[in-house]
Amino acid sequence: MPIRQKTEAGFTLIEAVIVITITAIIAAVVAVFIKAPIRGYFDSVRRAEMTDTGDTALRRLSRDLHLAVPNSVRVIPTAITPGATYYLEFLQSNSGGYYRSQCSVLPCPVGENILDFTIADTGFDVLGGFPAQPAADQPVVGDLVVVYNLGTTGADAYSGNNTSAITAMTATSLSIAPFRFPFDSPAQHFQIIDSPVTYVCTQGSNGTDGTGTLTRISGYTITAAQATPPTLGAGIRTTLLASKVSGCEITDPINLPQPGYALVTIKLTLQNNGEVVTLYHEAHINNVP
C-alpha cells in the first residue's frame, strides 16, 4: 500500500515581513489623509465647548443684571484696561412692590398703614401684596428695603442712607427698623435687596493664554466703597462660571437715550489649545427707581 506524504503550507518569514511592510505603508498613507479631519473634529469640539461655556456665563450675568436694584451697577476699572481684572458689582433684588403712600379717606382708617416720609417710620402696607414667586425668592427678615435709589449722595443704597432692614412681614405688609427714607418714589415703588453680587473676571497672562476665570461672588457685606475683591468668609457663595479665560472687557453702565435705562457690554475671550472664541454681550439695565 503506497504511503501518502503530508505537505504543510504556510508563510515564510520573508513573506510575513513584506506583508507587514506593505500594511505599514498603507496605514501611513491613510493616516496622512485622516489626520486633518480628526484634528478638525477635536478643534470644533473645543470651540463648541468654549462657546457654550461663555454663552451660559454671559446669559447668567445678564439675567442677574435684570434683577439689579436701579442705579446700583458699578464697574472697576471704569475704562477698558488691557490685562486688568474686572469687578462688576450690583445689589440684587429678589422682590419688590408698591407701598401705600396715602389713605383711602381721611382720617386714615384703621388697618391702612402708609409709608410716612416725615418721620422714622416702622412699616407700611404693600399694595396688592408681593408677586407670586418661589419660596426661595421670597423676602425674609433681615433683607433690606430700599426706596428711590438714585445712586447719588443721600440716596445711595451702598451707603445705607435709603435702606432699612425688615423686622417682620405678612403677605400685604412690611415692618422695618425705624427709619426716615429721604425721598418718596414717584411710582411708590420699593425693592428688596437680597444680596450684593460681584462678578470677577481675571484675564490670562498678557491676555494671550486661557488661565483666567469668570467667577460670581454673593452673600458678602454691603460696603459704600466697592471692594475688589469682596471679603470672603462664612456664608459667602463663590461660583466658577467660566475657566480658560484669556481676555475680558466690561464697560461701566452707559446711559441710553431713553431716560432711566443704561447698557453694560461684556466681551469675553476663551482660549484652549490654540483655539480662541470671543463672545460679545449687551445687557440692558432698568435704572428707573
Protein backbone atom coordinates (compact mmCIF):
# COMPACT_ATOMS: atom_id res chain seq x y z
CA MET A 1 0.00 0.00 0.00
CA PRO A 2 1.53 3.32 -1.07
CA ILE A 3 2.41 5.83 1.67
CA ARG A 4 0.98 9.37 1.23
CA GLN A 5 3.20 12.29 2.09
CA LYS A 6 1.65 15.05 4.24
CA THR A 7 2.51 18.52 2.96
CA GLU A 8 2.26 21.69 5.13
CA ALA A 9 1.51 25.14 3.64
CA GLY A 10 2.34 28.49 5.38
CA PHE A 11 4.08 31.88 5.17
CA THR A 12 7.74 32.24 5.08
CA LEU A 13 9.43 34.88 7.23
CA ILE A 14 10.18 36.94 4.15
CA GLU A 15 6.54 36.93 3.08
CA ALA A 16 5.44 37.99 6.57
CA VAL A 17 7.92 40.90 6.59
CA ILE A 18 6.70 42.02 3.16
CA VAL A 19 3.05 41.97 4.33
CA ILE A 20 3.89 43.93 7.46
CA THR A 21 5.85 46.50 5.44
CA ILE A 22 3.06 46.97 2.91
CA THR A 23 0.46 47.27 5.70
CA ALA A 24 2.56 49.93 7.44
CA ILE A 25 2.90 51.90 4.22
CA ILE A 26 -0.85 51.78 3.59
CA ALA A 27 -1.56 52.79 7.23
CA ALA A 28 0.84 55.74 6.94
CA VAL A 29 -0.79 56.89 3.72
CA VAL A 30 -4.29 56.61 5.25
CA ALA A 31 -3.14 58.45 8.39
CA VAL A 32 -1.99 61.39 6.28
CA PHE A 33 -5.47 61.76 4.81
CA ILE A 34 -7.48 61.30 8.04
CA LYS A 35 -5.19 63.32 10.35
CA ALA A 36 -6.57 66.70 9.29
CA PRO A 37 -10.29 65.73 9.59
CA ILE A 38 -9.73 64.20 13.03
CA ARG A 39 -7.83 67.25 14.23
CA GLY A 40 -10.54 69.47 12.79
CA TYR A 41 -13.19 67.48 14.65
CA PHE A 42 -11.46 67.86 18.02
CA ASP A 43 -10.84 71.56 17.33
CA SER A 44 -14.52 72.07 16.59
CA VAL A 45 -15.45 70.21 19.79
CA ARG A 46 -13.20 72.53 21.82
CA ARG A 47 -14.68 75.60 20.14
CA ALA A 48 -18.22 74.37 20.78
CA GLU A 49 -17.45 73.67 24.44
CA MET A 50 -15.90 77.12 24.94
CA THR A 51 -18.78 78.82 23.11
CA ASP A 52 -21.33 77.01 25.26
CA THR A 53 -19.45 77.84 28.47
CA GLY A 54 -19.06 81.50 27.58
CA ASP A 55 -22.63 81.89 26.37
CA THR A 56 -24.04 80.29 29.52
CA ALA A 57 -21.92 82.53 31.75
CA LEU A 58 -22.91 85.71 29.90
CA ARG A 59 -26.59 84.81 29.96
CA ARG A 60 -26.37 84.22 33.72
CA LEU A 61 -24.73 87.60 34.17
CA SER A 62 -27.38 89.28 32.01
CA ARG A 63 -30.24 87.69 33.98
CA ASP A 64 -28.65 88.88 37.21
CA LEU A 65 -28.31 92.43 35.90
CA HIS A 66 -32.01 92.48 35.08
CA LEU A 67 -32.63 91.90 38.82
CA ALA A 68 -30.30 94.69 39.93
CA VAL A 69 -31.62 97.49 42.13
CA PRO A 70 -31.83 100.62 39.93
CA ASN A 71 -28.61 102.65 39.82
CA SER A 72 -26.62 100.02 41.76
CA VAL A 73 -24.43 98.64 38.96
CA ARG A 74 -20.79 99.71 39.19
CA VAL A 75 -17.62 98.50 37.47
CA ILE A 76 -13.90 98.72 38.26
CA PRO A 77 -11.97 99.72 36.22
CA THR A 78 -14.34 102.26 34.70
CA ALA A 79 -12.40 102.35 31.42
CA ILE A 80 -11.25 99.48 29.20
CA THR A 81 -7.83 98.45 30.53
CA PRO A 82 -5.89 95.64 28.77
CA GLY A 83 -4.90 92.87 31.16
CA ALA A 84 -6.90 94.27 34.10
CA THR A 85 -9.09 92.23 36.43
CA TYR A 86 -12.68 93.48 36.15
CA TYR A 87 -15.10 93.73 39.06
CA LEU A 88 -18.77 94.22 38.22
CA GLU A 89 -20.96 94.75 41.31
CA PHE A 90 -24.67 95.32 41.85
CA LEU A 91 -27.32 94.91 44.53
CA GLN A 92 -29.59 92.01 43.60
CA SER A 93 -33.30 92.43 44.27
CA ASN A 94 -35.33 89.29 44.86
CA SER A 95 -38.66 91.09 45.18
CA GLY A 96 -40.39 94.43 45.46
CA GLY A 97 -43.76 96.12 45.24
CA TYR A 98 -45.72 99.30 45.81
CA TYR A 99 -46.12 100.95 49.21
CA ARG A 100 -49.22 102.75 50.40
CA SER A 101 -48.49 106.45 50.13
CA GLN A 102 -51.87 107.83 51.15
CA CYS A 103 -55.03 106.70 52.86
CA SER A 104 -58.22 105.87 51.01
CA VAL A 105 -60.05 108.51 53.07
CA LEU A 106 -59.18 110.99 55.79
CA PRO A 107 -58.76 110.50 58.61
CA CYS A 108 -56.83 107.33 57.78
CA PRO A 109 -58.95 104.24 58.55
CA VAL A 110 -57.71 101.63 61.00
CA GLY A 111 -55.75 98.98 59.14
CA GLU A 112 -54.33 101.32 56.49
CA ASN A 113 -50.64 101.98 57.08
CA ILE A 114 -48.85 104.47 54.84
CA LEU A 115 -45.10 104.92 54.47
CA ASP A 116 -44.51 108.29 56.09
CA PHE A 117 -41.51 110.24 54.80
CA THR A 118 -41.72 112.90 57.53
CA ILE A 119 -40.83 110.56 60.40
CA ALA A 120 -38.74 107.50 61.19
CA ASP A 121 -41.47 105.09 60.12
CA THR A 122 -41.64 101.44 61.17
CA GLY A 123 -43.71 99.85 58.43
CA PHE A 124 -46.21 100.15 55.61
CA ASP A 125 -48.81 98.31 53.55
CA VAL A 126 -47.76 96.54 50.35
CA LEU A 127 -50.43 97.32 47.79
CA GLY A 128 -51.52 94.14 46.02
CA GLY A 129 -49.12 92.06 48.12
CA PHE A 130 -45.91 90.55 46.91
CA PRO A 131 -45.70 88.93 43.47
CA ALA A 132 -46.00 85.15 43.33
CA GLN A 133 -42.54 83.59 43.25
CA PRO A 134 -40.69 80.52 44.56
CA ALA A 135 -40.31 80.31 48.33
CA ALA A 136 -36.53 80.63 47.99
CA ASP A 137 -37.00 84.09 46.44
CA GLN A 138 -39.47 85.42 48.99
CA PRO A 139 -38.23 88.27 51.22
CA VAL A 140 -37.18 87.29 54.73
CA VAL A 141 -36.48 89.11 57.98
CA GLY A 142 -33.12 90.85 57.70
CA ASP A 143 -33.42 91.70 54.00
CA LEU A 144 -33.14 95.40 53.20
CA VAL A 145 -35.93 97.61 51.86
CA VAL A 146 -34.73 100.36 49.51
CA VAL A 147 -36.82 103.27 48.24
CA TYR A 148 -35.90 105.53 45.31
CA ASN A 149 -32.27 104.57 44.89
CA LEU A 150 -30.55 107.21 42.75
CA GLY A 151 -27.01 106.04 43.42
CA THR A 152 -26.07 109.57 44.46
CA THR A 153 -25.18 111.24 47.75
CA GLY A 154 -28.14 110.99 50.10
CA ALA A 155 -29.87 108.30 48.06
CA ASP A 156 -27.31 105.52 47.79
CA ALA A 157 -28.16 102.00 48.91
CA TYR A 158 -24.47 101.12 49.22
CA SER A 159 -24.11 103.83 51.87
CA GLY A 160 -27.31 102.72 53.59
CA ASN A 161 -28.96 106.15 53.62
CA ASN A 162 -32.12 104.93 51.90
CA THR A 163 -32.43 101.37 53.21
CA SER A 164 -33.95 99.74 56.29
CA ALA A 165 -33.99 96.11 57.45
CA ILE A 166 -37.19 94.05 57.52
CA THR A 167 -38.16 93.09 61.08
CA ALA A 168 -41.45 91.31 60.30
CA MET A 169 -43.75 90.78 57.34
CA THR A 170 -47.05 89.45 56.12
CA ALA A 171 -48.36 88.87 52.62
CA THR A 172 -49.50 92.51 52.40
CA SER A 173 -47.35 94.48 54.85
CA LEU A 174 -43.79 95.07 56.00
CA SER A 175 -42.39 96.08 59.37
CA ILE A 176 -38.96 97.71 59.26
CA ALA A 177 -36.40 99.11 61.66
CA PRO A 178 -37.36 102.75 62.40
CA PHE A 179 -36.08 104.83 59.51
CA ARG A 180 -36.91 108.02 57.65
CA PHE A 181 -36.45 107.50 53.94
CA PRO A 182 -35.03 110.63 52.29
CA PHE A 183 -37.06 110.58 49.05
CA ASP A 184 -40.51 109.43 48.02
CA SER A 185 -40.64 107.33 44.86
CA PRO A 186 -42.84 108.95 42.18
CA ALA A 187 -44.20 105.48 41.41
CA GLN A 188 -44.44 104.48 45.12
CA HIS A 189 -42.12 101.62 44.31
CA PHE A 190 -39.72 99.81 46.64
CA GLN A 191 -37.25 96.96 46.16
CA ILE A 192 -35.98 94.24 48.48
CA ILE A 193 -32.21 93.74 48.46
CA ASP A 194 -31.34 90.07 48.67
CA SER A 195 -27.56 90.31 48.41
CA PRO A 196 -24.74 92.24 46.80
CA VAL A 197 -23.22 90.36 43.86
CA THR A 198 -19.80 90.74 42.26
CA TYR A 199 -18.60 89.20 39.00
CA VAL A 200 -14.81 88.91 38.91
CA CYS A 201 -13.15 88.42 35.52
CA THR A 202 -9.43 87.67 35.58
CA GLN A 203 -7.54 87.57 32.31
CA GLY A 204 -4.82 85.23 31.12
CA SER A 205 -1.16 86.24 31.25
CA ASN A 206 -0.88 89.28 29.00
CA GLY A 207 -4.27 88.34 27.59
CA THR A 208 -2.72 85.58 25.48
CA ASP A 209 -3.48 82.34 27.31
CA GLY A 210 -6.54 80.73 28.83
CA THR A 211 -5.57 80.85 32.50
CA GLY A 212 -8.17 83.43 33.62
CA THR A 213 -11.62 82.84 35.13
CA LEU A 214 -15.06 84.40 35.45
CA THR A 215 -16.43 83.99 38.99
CA ARG A 216 -19.64 85.06 40.73
CA ILE A 217 -19.50 86.05 44.42
CA SER A 218 -22.54 86.80 46.61
CA GLY A 219 -23.62 86.86 50.24
CA TYR A 220 -20.97 89.27 51.49
CA THR A 221 -21.47 92.53 53.41
CA ILE A 222 -22.52 95.66 51.51
CA THR A 223 -19.87 98.39 51.59
CA ALA A 224 -20.02 102.01 50.47
CA ALA A 225 -16.76 101.69 48.54
CA GLN A 226 -16.59 98.87 46.01
CA ALA A 227 -14.40 96.05 47.30
CA THR A 228 -12.02 94.46 44.79
CA PRO A 229 -12.49 91.65 45.60
CA PRO A 230 -15.17 91.36 48.30
CA THR A 231 -14.05 89.98 51.66
CA LEU A 232 -14.70 86.24 51.77
CA GLY A 233 -15.91 84.40 54.85
CA ALA A 234 -18.67 82.21 56.27
CA GLY A 235 -21.83 82.25 54.17
CA ILE A 236 -20.11 83.69 51.11
CA ARG A 237 -21.13 81.94 47.88
CA THR A 238 -18.48 81.67 45.15
CA THR A 239 -19.36 80.09 41.81
CA LEU A 240 -16.93 79.49 38.94
CA LEU A 241 -18.82 80.25 35.73
CA ALA A 242 -16.04 80.02 33.16
CA SER A 243 -12.40 78.96 33.04
CA LYS A 244 -9.85 79.20 30.22
CA VAL A 245 -10.44 82.97 30.02
CA SER A 246 -7.73 84.79 28.07
CA GLY A 247 -9.34 88.23 27.97
CA CYS A 248 -12.38 90.22 29.05
CA GLU A 249 -13.74 93.76 28.82
CA ILE A 250 -16.66 95.11 30.88
CA THR A 251 -17.93 98.65 30.45
CA ASP A 252 -19.27 100.91 33.15
CA PRO A 253 -23.06 101.45 32.62
CA ILE A 254 -23.65 103.66 29.58
CA ASN A 255 -26.78 105.82 29.68
CA LEU A 256 -29.15 105.20 26.79
CA PRO A 257 -31.19 107.88 25.00
CA GLN A 258 -34.29 106.67 26.85
CA PRO A 259 -34.08 108.19 30.35
CA GLY A 260 -33.68 105.70 33.15
CA TYR A 261 -32.09 102.96 31.09
CA ALA A 262 -28.44 102.00 30.68
CA LEU A 263 -26.29 99.45 28.88
CA VAL A 264 -23.45 97.25 30.09
CA THR A 265 -21.33 95.50 27.46
CA ILE A 266 -19.24 92.40 28.14
CA LYS A 267 -16.60 90.95 25.84
CA LEU A 268 -15.28 87.55 26.89
CA THR A 269 -12.47 85.63 25.16
CA LEU A 270 -11.75 81.96 25.90
CA GLN A 271 -8.71 80.01 24.72
CA ASN A 272 -7.85 76.32 24.80
CA ASN A 273 -5.05 74.50 22.93
CA GLY A 274 -4.72 77.26 20.37
CA GLU A 275 -8.47 77.58 19.76
CA VAL A 276 -9.89 81.04 20.54
CA VAL A 277 -13.55 82.02 20.95
CA THR A 278 -14.70 85.61 21.57
CA LEU A 279 -18.25 86.44 22.68
CA TYR A 280 -19.84 89.89 22.95
CA HIS A 281 -22.97 90.54 25.00
CA GLU A 282 -25.07 93.62 25.81
CA ALA A 283 -27.18 93.76 28.98
CA HIS A 284 -29.88 96.42 29.30
CA ILE A 285 -30.45 97.81 32.80
CA ASN A 286 -33.61 99.42 34.13
CA ASN A 287 -32.50 102.34 36.31
CA VAL A 288 -35.98 103.72 36.94
CA PRO A 289 -36.25 103.72 40.76
